[in-house]
Amino acid sequence: MAKRYVRATGKDRQGDITRLCNSGEYWSPRGKADAISDIELGLHEYWVNWANAPETKIRVVNGSTGKYLRTDRDTTSRNNLDDLPDC
């Protein structure tokens, strides 16, 4: 299983994560559905290496409107992937 680092995210108008990015990497950008499949099938792990915090793993969450990607870098309940710049 390859460990892939995410440095930016694509977001739709509602702010939902639509893709994971790391400029210069052959896999980037990776669409949400493909990243979810990668994680669930155990093909790849996606991680964020924060500047002022330990790296955190991106996980798949089953929400009321379907599956989505998120990471919890601190004790808040919000999705910290929103903090990354747009790609």
PDB file of N, CA and C in Angstrom:
ATOM      1  N   MET A   1       0.841  -1.171   0.000  1.00  0.00           N
ATOM      2  CA  MET A   1       0.000   0.000   0.000  1.00  0.00           C
ATOM      3  C   MET A   1       0.892   1.243   0.000  1.00  0.00           C
ATOM      4  N   ALA A   2       0.657   2.099  -0.949  1.00  0.00           N
ATOM      5  CA  ALA A   2       1.446   3.324  -1.062  1.00  0.00           C
ATOM      6  C   ALA A   2       0.839   4.437  -0.212  1.00  0.00           C
ATOM      7  N   LYS A   3       1.702   5.212   0.399  1.00  0.00           N
ATOM      8  CA  LYS A   3       1.288   6.362   1.208  1.00  0.00           C
ATOM      9  C   LYS A   3       1.411   7.606   0.347  1.00  0.00           C
ATOM     10  N   ARG A   4       0.303   8.283   0.125  1.00  0.00           N
ATOM     11  CA  ARG A   4       0.281   9.478  -0.713  1.00  0.00           C
ATOM     12  C   ARG A   4      -0.016  10.701   0.155  1.00  0.00           C
ATOM     13  N   TYR A   5       0.779  11.746  -0.043  1.00  0.00           N
ATOM     14  CA  TYR A   5       0.587  12.972   0.721  1.00  0.00           C
ATOM     15  C   TYR A   5      -0.236  13.975  -0.076  1.00  0.00           C
ATOM     16  N   VAL A   6      -1.211  14.565   0.581  1.00  0.00           N
ATOM     17  CA  VAL A   6      -2.118  15.531  -0.025  1.00  0.00           C
ATOM     18  C   VAL A   6      -1.731  16.920   0.462  1.00  0.00           C
ATOM     19  N   ARG A   7      -1.573  17.855  -0.472  1.00  0.00           N
ATOM     20  CA  ARG A   7      -1.190  19.222  -0.122  1.00  0.00           C
ATOM     21  C   ARG A   7      -2.276  20.247  -0.464  1.00  0.00           C
ATOM     22  N   ALA A   8      -3.295  19.818  -1.226  1.00  0.00           N
ATOM     23  CA  ALA A   8      -4.390  20.710  -1.609  1.00  0.00           C
ATOM     24  C   ALA A   8      -5.624  19.851  -1.895  1.00  0.00           C
ATOM     25  N   THR A   9      -6.778  20.504  -1.893  1.00  0.00           N
ATOM     26  CA  THR A   9      -8.022  19.795  -2.197  1.00  0.00           C
ATOM     27  C   THR A   9      -8.880  20.620  -3.140  1.00  0.00           C
ATOM     28  N   GLY A  10      -9.620  19.917  -3.986  1.00  0.00           N
ATOM     29  CA  GLY A  10     -10.633  20.560  -4.811  1.00  0.00           C
ATOM     30  C   GLY A  10     -11.949  20.523  -4.058  1.00  0.00           C
ATOM     31  N   LYS A  11     -12.714  21.594  -4.178  1.00  0.00           N
ATOM     32  CA  LYS A  11     -13.979  21.700  -3.461  1.00  0.00           C
ATOM     33  C   LYS A  11     -15.070  22.170  -4.414  1.00  0.00           C
ATOM     34  N   ASP A  12     -16.297  21.688  -4.180  1.00  0.00           N
ATOM     35  CA  ASP A  12     -17.410  22.172  -4.985  1.00  0.00           C
ATOM     36  C   ASP A  12     -18.000  23.433  -4.345  1.00  0.00           C
ATOM     37  N   ARG A  13     -19.103  23.921  -4.886  1.00  0.00           N
ATOM     38  CA  ARG A  13     -19.699  25.178  -4.399  1.00  0.00           C
ATOM     39  C   ARG A  13     -20.165  25.096  -2.950  1.00  0.00           C
ATOM     40  N   GLN A  14     -20.492  23.884  -2.503  1.00  0.00           N
ATOM     41  CA  GLN A  14     -20.920  23.704  -1.119  1.00  0.00           C
ATOM     42  C   GLN A  14     -19.745  23.475  -0.176  1.00  0.00           C
ATOM     43  N   GLY A  15     -18.524  23.424  -0.724  1.00  0.00           N
ATOM     44  CA  GLY A  15     -17.338  23.210   0.089  1.00  0.00           C
ATOM     45  C   GLY A  15     -16.986  21.755   0.296  1.00  0.00           C
ATOM     46  N   ASP A  16     -17.721  20.850  -0.372  1.00  0.00           N
ATOM     47  CA  ASP A  16     -17.419  19.423  -0.257  1.00  0.00           C
ATOM     48  C   ASP A  16     -16.148  19.089  -1.031  1.00  0.00           C
ATOM     49  N   ILE A  17     -15.343  18.190  -0.481  1.00  0.00           N
ATOM     50  CA  ILE A  17     -14.094  17.782  -1.126  1.00  0.00           C
ATOM     51  C   ILE A  17     -14.414  16.941  -2.358  1.00  0.00           C
ATOM     52  N   THR A  18     -13.881  17.351  -3.510  1.00  0.00           N
ATOM     53  CA  THR A  18     -14.126  16.640  -4.768  1.00  0.00           C
ATOM     54  C   THR A  18     -12.881  15.958  -5.321  1.00  0.00           C
ATOM     55  N   ARG A  19     -11.700  16.391  -4.854  1.00  0.00           N
ATOM     56  CA  ARG A  19     -10.451  15.765  -5.318  1.00  0.00           C
ATOM     57  C   ARG A  19      -9.320  16.060  -4.337  1.00  0.00           C
ATOM     58  N   LEU A  20      -8.318  15.190  -4.373  1.00  0.00           N
ATOM     59  CA  LEU A  20      -7.112  15.329  -3.556  1.00  0.00           C
ATOM     60  C   LEU A  20      -5.952  15.627  -4.481  1.00  0.00           C
ATOM     61  N   CYS A  21      -5.066  16.526  -4.067  1.00  0.00           N
ATOM     62  CA  CYS A  21      -3.986  16.960  -4.960  1.00  0.00           C
ATOM     63  C   CYS A  21      -2.640  17.072  -4.248  1.00  0.00           C
ATOM     64  N   ASN A  22      -1.604  16.848  -5.036  1.00  0.00           N
ATOM     65  CA  ASN A  22      -0.227  17.122  -4.633  1.00  0.00           C
ATOM     66  C   ASN A  22       0.523  17.398  -5.927  1.00  0.00           C
ATOM     67  N   SER A  23       0.680  18.657  -6.240  1.00  0.00           N
ATOM     68  CA  SER A  23       1.280  19.076  -7.504  1.00  0.00           C
ATOM     69  C   SER A  23       2.603  18.357  -7.763  1.00  0.00           C
ATOM     70  N   GLY A  24       2.752  17.837  -8.949  1.00  0.00           N
ATOM     71  CA  GLY A  24       3.977  17.149  -9.337  1.00  0.00           C
ATOM     72  C   GLY A  24       3.931  15.643  -9.150  1.00  0.00           C
ATOM     73  N   GLU A  25       2.944  15.142  -8.425  1.00  0.00           N
ATOM     74  CA  GLU A  25       2.812  13.702  -8.236  1.00  0.00           C
ATOM     75  C   GLU A  25       2.016  13.112  -9.396  1.00  0.00           C
ATOM     76  N   TYR A  26       2.409  11.943  -9.874  1.00  0.00           N
ATOM     77  CA  TYR A  26       1.766  11.343 -11.042  1.00  0.00           C
ATOM     78  C   TYR A  26       0.277  11.053 -10.813  1.00  0.00           C
ATOM     79  N   TRP A  27      -0.130  10.840  -9.583  1.00  0.00           N
ATOM     80  CA  TRP A  27      -1.514  10.467  -9.284  1.00  0.00           C
ATOM     81  C   TRP A  27      -2.435  11.677  -9.117  1.00  0.00           C
ATOM     82  N   SER A  28      -1.850  12.858  -9.048  1.00  0.00           N
ATOM     83  CA  SER A  28      -2.603  14.069  -8.733  1.00  0.00           C
ATOM     84  C   SER A  28      -3.092  14.789  -9.985  1.00  0.00           C
ATOM     85  N   PRO A  29      -4.349  15.258  -9.983  1.00  0.00           N
ATOM     86  CA  PRO A  29      -5.346  15.156  -8.920  1.00  0.00           C
ATOM     87  C   PRO A  29      -6.043  13.797  -8.945  1.00  0.00           C
ATOM     88  N   ARG A  30      -6.539  13.408  -7.792  1.00  0.00           N
ATOM     89  CA  ARG A  30      -7.270  12.143  -7.643  1.00  0.00           C
ATOM     90  C   ARG A  30      -8.686  12.479  -7.232  1.00  0.00           C
ATOM     91  N   GLY A  31      -9.657  12.091  -8.042  1.00  0.00           N
ATOM     92  CA  GLY A  31     -11.060  12.372  -7.768  1.00  0.00           C
ATOM     93  C   GLY A  31     -11.540  11.690  -6.496  1.00  0.00           C
ATOM     94  N   LYS A  32     -12.566  12.252  -5.912  1.00  0.00           N
ATOM     95  CA  LYS A  32     -13.131  11.749  -4.664  1.00  0.00           C
ATOM     96  C   LYS A  32     -13.497  10.267  -4.759  1.00  0.00           C
ATOM     97  N   ALA A  33     -14.231   9.879  -5.779  1.00  0.00           N
ATOM     98  CA  ALA A  33     -14.670   8.478  -5.903  1.00  0.00           C
ATOM     99  C   ALA A  33     -13.473   7.537  -6.016  1.00  0.00           C
ATOM    100  N   ASP A  34     -12.455   7.937  -6.782  1.00  0.00           N
ATOM    101  CA  ASP A  34     -11.256   7.100  -6.928  1.00  0.00           C
ATOM    102  C   ASP A  34     -10.478   7.011  -5.620  1.00  0.00           C
ATOM    103  N   ALA A  35     -10.359   8.122  -4.907  1.00  0.00           N
ATOM    104  CA  ALA A  35      -9.650   8.114  -3.624  1.00  0.00           C
ATOM    105  C   ALA A  35     -10.387   7.242  -2.605  1.00  0.00           C
ATOM    106  N   ILE A  36     -11.703   7.334  -2.581  1.00  0.00           N
ATOM    107  CA  ILE A  36     -12.493   6.486  -1.680  1.00  0.00           C
ATOM    108  C   ILE A  36     -12.264   5.019  -2.016  1.00  0.00           C
ATOM    109  N   SER A  37     -12.291   4.696  -3.283  1.00  0.00           N
ATOM    110  CA  SER A  37     -12.048   3.312  -3.713  1.00  0.00           C
ATOM    111  C   SER A  37     -10.647   2.859  -3.324  1.00  0.00           C
ATOM    112  N   ASP A  38      -9.644   3.710  -3.545  1.00  0.00           N
ATOM    113  CA  ASP A  38      -8.256   3.389  -3.170  1.00  0.00           C
ATOM    114  C   ASP A  38      -8.162   3.026  -1.692  1.00  0.00           C
ATOM    115  N   ILE A  39      -8.809   3.829  -0.847  1.00  0.00           N
ATOM    116  CA  ILE A  39      -8.751   3.621   0.600  1.00  0.00           C
ATOM    117  C   ILE A  39      -9.495   2.350   0.989  1.00  0.00           C
ATOM    118  N   GLU A  40     -10.697   2.190   0.487  1.00  0.00           N
ATOM    119  CA  GLU A  40     -11.512   1.040   0.871  1.00  0.00           C
ATOM    120  C   GLU A  40     -10.932  -0.286   0.393  1.00  0.00           C
ATOM    121  N   LEU A  41     -10.284  -0.271  -0.762  1.00  0.00           N
ATOM    122  CA  LEU A  41      -9.675  -1.493  -1.288  1.00  0.00           C
ATOM    123  C   LEU A  41      -8.272  -1.736  -0.724  1.00  0.00           C
ATOM    124  N   GLY A  42      -7.761  -0.787   0.054  1.00  0.00           N
ATOM    125  CA  GLY A  42      -6.437  -0.916   0.641  1.00  0.00           C
ATOM    126  C   GLY A  42      -5.308  -0.729  -0.361  1.00  0.00           C
ATOM    127  N   LEU A  43      -5.585  -0.023  -1.458  1.00  0.00           N
ATOM    128  CA  LEU A  43      -4.562   0.207  -2.482  1.00  0.00           C
ATOM    129  C   LEU A  43      -3.610   1.328  -2.091  1.00  0.00           C
ATOM    130  N   HIS A  44      -4.159   2.398  -1.527  1.00  0.00           N
ATOM    131  CA  HIS A  44      -3.371   3.567  -1.150  1.00  0.00           C
ATOM    132  C   HIS A  44      -3.924   4.177   0.124  1.00  0.00           C
ATOM    133  N   GLU A  45      -3.041   4.814   0.871  1.00  0.00           N
ATOM    134  CA  GLU A  45      -3.425   5.652   2.000  1.00  0.00           C
ATOM    135  C   GLU A  45      -3.152   7.086   1.601  1.00  0.00           C
ATOM    136  N   TYR A  46      -3.989   7.994   2.048  1.00  0.00           N
ATOM    137  CA  TYR A  46      -3.806   9.423   1.798  1.00  0.00           C
ATOM    138  C   TYR A  46      -3.610  10.111   3.139  1.00  0.00           C
ATOM    139  N   TRP A  47      -2.584  10.952   3.194  1.00  0.00           N
ATOM    140  CA  TRP A  47      -2.191  11.619   4.437  1.00  0.00           C
ATOM    141  C   TRP A  47      -1.978  13.103   4.179  1.00  0.00           C
ATOM    142  N   VAL A  48      -2.157  13.898   5.240  1.00  0.00           N
ATOM    143  CA  VAL A  48      -1.822  15.321   5.209  1.00  0.00           C
ATOM    144  C   VAL A  48      -0.708  15.544   6.216  1.00  0.00           C
ATOM    145  N   ASN A  49       0.363  16.173   5.773  1.00  0.00           N
ATOM    146  CA  ASN A  49       1.500  16.499   6.630  1.00  0.00           C
ATOM    147  C   ASN A  49       1.380  17.981   6.983  1.00  0.00           C
ATOM    148  N   TRP A  50       0.718  18.261   8.112  1.00  0.00           N
ATOM    149  CA  TRP A  50       0.445  19.637   8.530  1.00  0.00           C
ATOM    150  C   TRP A  50       1.722  20.336   8.973  1.00  0.00           C
ATOM    151  N   ALA A  51       1.774  21.646   8.819  1.00  0.00           N
ATOM    152  CA  ALA A  51       2.948  22.429   9.204  1.00  0.00           C
ATOM    153  C   ALA A  51       3.166  22.418  10.715  1.00  0.00           C
ATOM    154  N   ASN A  52       2.113  22.551  11.495  1.00  0.00           N
ATOM    155  CA  ASN A  52       2.257  22.703  12.947  1.00  0.00           C
ATOM    156  C   ASN A  52       1.562  21.603  13.741  1.00  0.00           C
ATOM    157  N   ALA A  53       1.422  20.433  13.126  1.00  0.00           N
ATOM    158  CA  ALA A  53       0.746  19.321  13.805  1.00  0.00           C
ATOM    159  C   ALA A  53       1.225  18.009  13.179  1.00  0.00           C
ATOM    160  N   PRO A  54       1.014  16.915  13.871  1.00  0.00           N
ATOM    161  CA  PRO A  54       1.408  15.620  13.294  1.00  0.00           C
ATOM    162  C   PRO A  54       0.616  15.316  12.025  1.00  0.00           C
ATOM    163  N   GLU A  55       1.210  14.502  11.174  1.00  0.00           N
ATOM    164  CA  GLU A  55       0.487  14.106   9.968  1.00  0.00           C
ATOM    165  C   GLU A  55      -0.752  13.310  10.360  1.00  0.00           C
ATOM    166  N   THR A  56      -1.785  13.436   9.537  1.00  0.00           N
ATOM    167  CA  THR A  56      -3.025  12.727   9.817  1.00  0.00           C
ATOM    168  C   THR A  56      -3.510  12.006   8.577  1.00  0.00           C
ATOM    169  N   LYS A  57      -4.137  10.879   8.819  1.00  0.00           N
ATOM    170  CA  LYS A  57      -4.632  10.020   7.751  1.00  0.00           C
ATOM    171  C   LYS A  57      -6.017  10.488   7.298  1.00  0.00           C
ATOM    172  N   ILE A  58      -6.224  10.486   5.996  1.00  0.00           N
ATOM    173  CA  ILE A  58      -7.535  10.792   5.437  1.00  0.00           C
ATOM    174  C   ILE A  58      -8.349   9.497   5.456  1.00  0.00           C
ATOM    175  N   ARG A  59      -9.585   9.620   5.891  1.00  0.00           N
ATOM    176  CA  ARG A  59     -10.424   8.429   5.995  1.00  0.00           C
ATOM    177  C   ARG A  59     -11.738   8.628   5.255  1.00  0.00           C
ATOM    178  N   VAL A  60     -12.430   7.527   5.043  1.00  0.00           N
ATOM    179  CA  VAL A  60     -13.743   7.545   4.397  1.00  0.00           C
ATOM    180  C   VAL A  60     -14.805   7.522   5.492  1.00  0.00           C
ATOM    181  N   VAL A  61     -15.785   8.398   5.356  1.00  0.00           N
ATOM    182  CA  VAL A  61     -16.871   8.484   6.320  1.00  0.00           C
ATOM    183  C   VAL A  61     -18.189   8.265   5.575  1.00  0.00           C
ATOM    184  N   ASN A  62     -19.081   7.505   6.181  1.00  0.00           N
ATOM    185  CA  ASN A  62     -20.425   7.313   5.624  1.00  0.00           C
ATOM    186  C   ASN A  62     -21.345   8.362   6.216  1.00  0.00           C
ATOM    187  N   GLY A  63     -21.723   9.327   5.386  1.00  0.00           N
ATOM    188  CA  GLY A  63     -22.607  10.394   5.839  1.00  0.00           C
ATOM    189  C   GLY A  63     -24.030  10.184   5.370  1.00  0.00           C
ATOM    190  N   SER A  64     -24.900  11.095   5.716  1.00  0.00           N
ATOM    191  CA  SER A  64     -26.315  10.983   5.354  1.00  0.00           C
ATOM    192  C   SER A  64     -26.546  11.096   3.850  1.00  0.00           C
ATOM    193  N   THR A  65     -25.598  11.728   3.144  1.00  0.00           N
ATOM    194  CA  THR A  65     -25.737  11.874   1.691  1.00  0.00           C
ATOM    195  C   THR A  65     -24.737  11.005   0.929  1.00  0.00           C
ATOM    196  N   GLY A  66     -24.090  10.084   1.600  1.00  0.00           N
ATOM    197  CA  GLY A  66     -23.124   9.193   0.952  1.00  0.00           C
ATOM    198  C   GLY A  66     -21.749   9.290   1.580  1.00  0.00           C
ATOM    199  N   LYS A  67     -20.802   8.633   0.946  1.00  0.00           N
ATOM    200  CA  LYS A  67     -19.441   8.596   1.465  1.00  0.00           C
ATOM    201  C   LYS A  67     -18.704   9.887   1.136  1.00  0.00           C
ATOM    202  N   TYR A  68     -17.820  10.270   2.061  1.00  0.00           N
ATOM    203  CA  TYR A  68     -16.982  11.437   1.810  1.00  0.00           C
ATOM    204  C   TYR A  68     -15.639  11.250   2.498  1.00  0.00           C
ATOM    205  N   LEU A  69     -14.691  12.139   2.178  1.00  0.00           N
ATOM    206  CA  LEU A  69     -13.332  12.090   2.706  1.00  0.00           C
ATOM    207  C   LEU A  69     -13.178  13.134   3.798  1.00  0.00           C
ATOM    208  N   ARG A  70     -12.449  12.763   4.850  1.00  0.00           N
ATOM    209  CA  ARG A  70     -12.173  13.734   5.903  1.00  0.00           C
ATOM    210  C   ARG A  70     -10.962  13.302   6.721  1.00  0.00           C
ATOM    211  N   THR A  71     -10.467  14.248   7.484  1.00  0.00           N
ATOM    212  CA  THR A  71      -9.435  13.974   8.468  1.00  0.00           C
ATOM    213  C   THR A  71      -9.696  14.849   9.675  1.00  0.00           C
ATOM    214  N   ASP A  72      -9.346  14.366  10.831  1.00  0.00           N
ATOM    215  CA  ASP A  72      -9.518  15.126  12.060  1.00  0.00           C
ATOM    216  C   ASP A  72      -8.146  15.388  12.660  1.00  0.00           C
ATOM    217  N   ARG A  73      -7.667  16.610  12.489  1.00  0.00           N
ATOM    218  CA  ARG A  73      -6.325  16.933  12.952  1.00  0.00           C
ATOM    219  C   ARG A  73      -6.329  17.429  14.382  1.00  0.00           C
ATOM    220  N   ASP A  74      -7.485  17.771  14.875  1.00  0.00           N
ATOM    221  CA  ASP A  74      -7.584  18.303  16.236  1.00  0.00           C
ATOM    222  C   ASP A  74      -8.889  17.824  16.860  1.00  0.00           C
ATOM    223  N   THR A  75      -9.322  18.478  17.891  1.00  0.00           N
ATOM    224  CA  THR A  75     -10.509  18.011  18.597  1.00  0.00           C
ATOM    225  C   THR A  75     -11.813  18.590  18.052  1.00  0.00           C
ATOM    226  N   THR A  76     -11.762  19.366  16.983  1.00  0.00           N
ATOM    227  CA  THR A  76     -13.000  19.903  16.423  1.00  0.00           C
ATOM    228  C   THR A  76     -13.708  18.824  15.606  1.00  0.00           C
ATOM    229  N   SER A  77     -14.987  19.016  15.377  1.00  0.00           N
ATOM    230  CA  SER A  77     -15.752  18.049  14.594  1.00  0.00           C
ATOM    231  C   SER A  77     -15.769  18.402  13.112  1.00  0.00           C
ATOM    232  N   ARG A  78     -15.195  19.537  12.758  1.00  0.00           N
ATOM    233  CA  ARG A  78     -15.222  19.922  11.341  1.00  0.00           C
ATOM    234  C   ARG A  78     -14.126  19.208  10.566  1.00  0.00           C
ATOM    235  N   ASN A  79     -14.277  19.171   9.262  1.00  0.00           N
ATOM    236  CA  ASN A  79     -13.343  18.481   8.396  1.00  0.00           C
ATOM    237  C   ASN A  79     -12.134  19.375   8.126  1.00  0.00           C
ATOM    238  N   ASN A  80     -10.979  18.975   8.595  1.00  0.00           N
ATOM    239  CA  ASN A  80      -9.781  19.792   8.423  1.00  0.00           C
ATOM    240  C   ASN A  80      -9.256  19.816   6.996  1.00  0.00           C
ATOM    241  N   LEU A  81      -9.738  18.955   6.119  1.00  0.00           N
ATOM    242  CA  LEU A  81      -9.330  19.027   4.717  1.00  0.00           C
ATOM    243  C   LEU A  81      -9.744  20.355   4.102  1.00  0.00           C
ATOM    244  N   ASP A  82     -10.754  20.980   4.671  1.00  0.00           N
ATOM    245  CA  ASP A  82     -11.193  22.290   4.196  1.00  0.00           C
ATOM    246  C   ASP A  82     -10.121  23.356   4.374  1.00  0.00           C
ATOM    247  N   ASP A  83      -9.184  23.131   5.287  1.00  0.00           N
ATOM    248  CA  ASP A  83      -8.123  24.105   5.557  1.00  0.00           C
ATOM    249  C   ASP A  83      -7.037  24.120   4.485  1.00  0.00           C
ATOM    250  N   LEU A  84      -6.984  23.083   3.663  1.00  0.00           N
ATOM    251  CA  LEU A  84      -5.944  23.026   2.632  1.00  0.00           C
ATOM    252  C   LEU A  84      -6.296  23.960   1.490  1.00  0.00           C
ATOM    253  N   PRO A  85      -5.268  24.466   0.781  1.00  0.00           N
ATOM    254  CA  PRO A  85      -5.557  25.345  -0.366  1.00  0.00           C
ATOM    255  C   PRO A  85      -6.261  24.582  -1.487  1.00  0.00           C
ATOM    256  N   ASP A  86      -6.903  25.333  -2.351  1.00  0.00           N
ATOM    257  CA  ASP A  86      -7.595  24.741  -3.501  1.00  0.00           C
ATOM    258  C   ASP A  86      -6.599  24.273  -4.564  1.00  0.00           C
ATOM    259  N   CYS A  87      -7.000  23.226  -5.252  1.00  0.00           N
ATOM    260  CA  CYS A  87      -6.177  22.753  -6.383  1.00  0.00           C
ATOM    261  C   CYS A  87      -6.995  22.728  -7.645  1.00  0.00           C
TER     262      CYS A  87
END
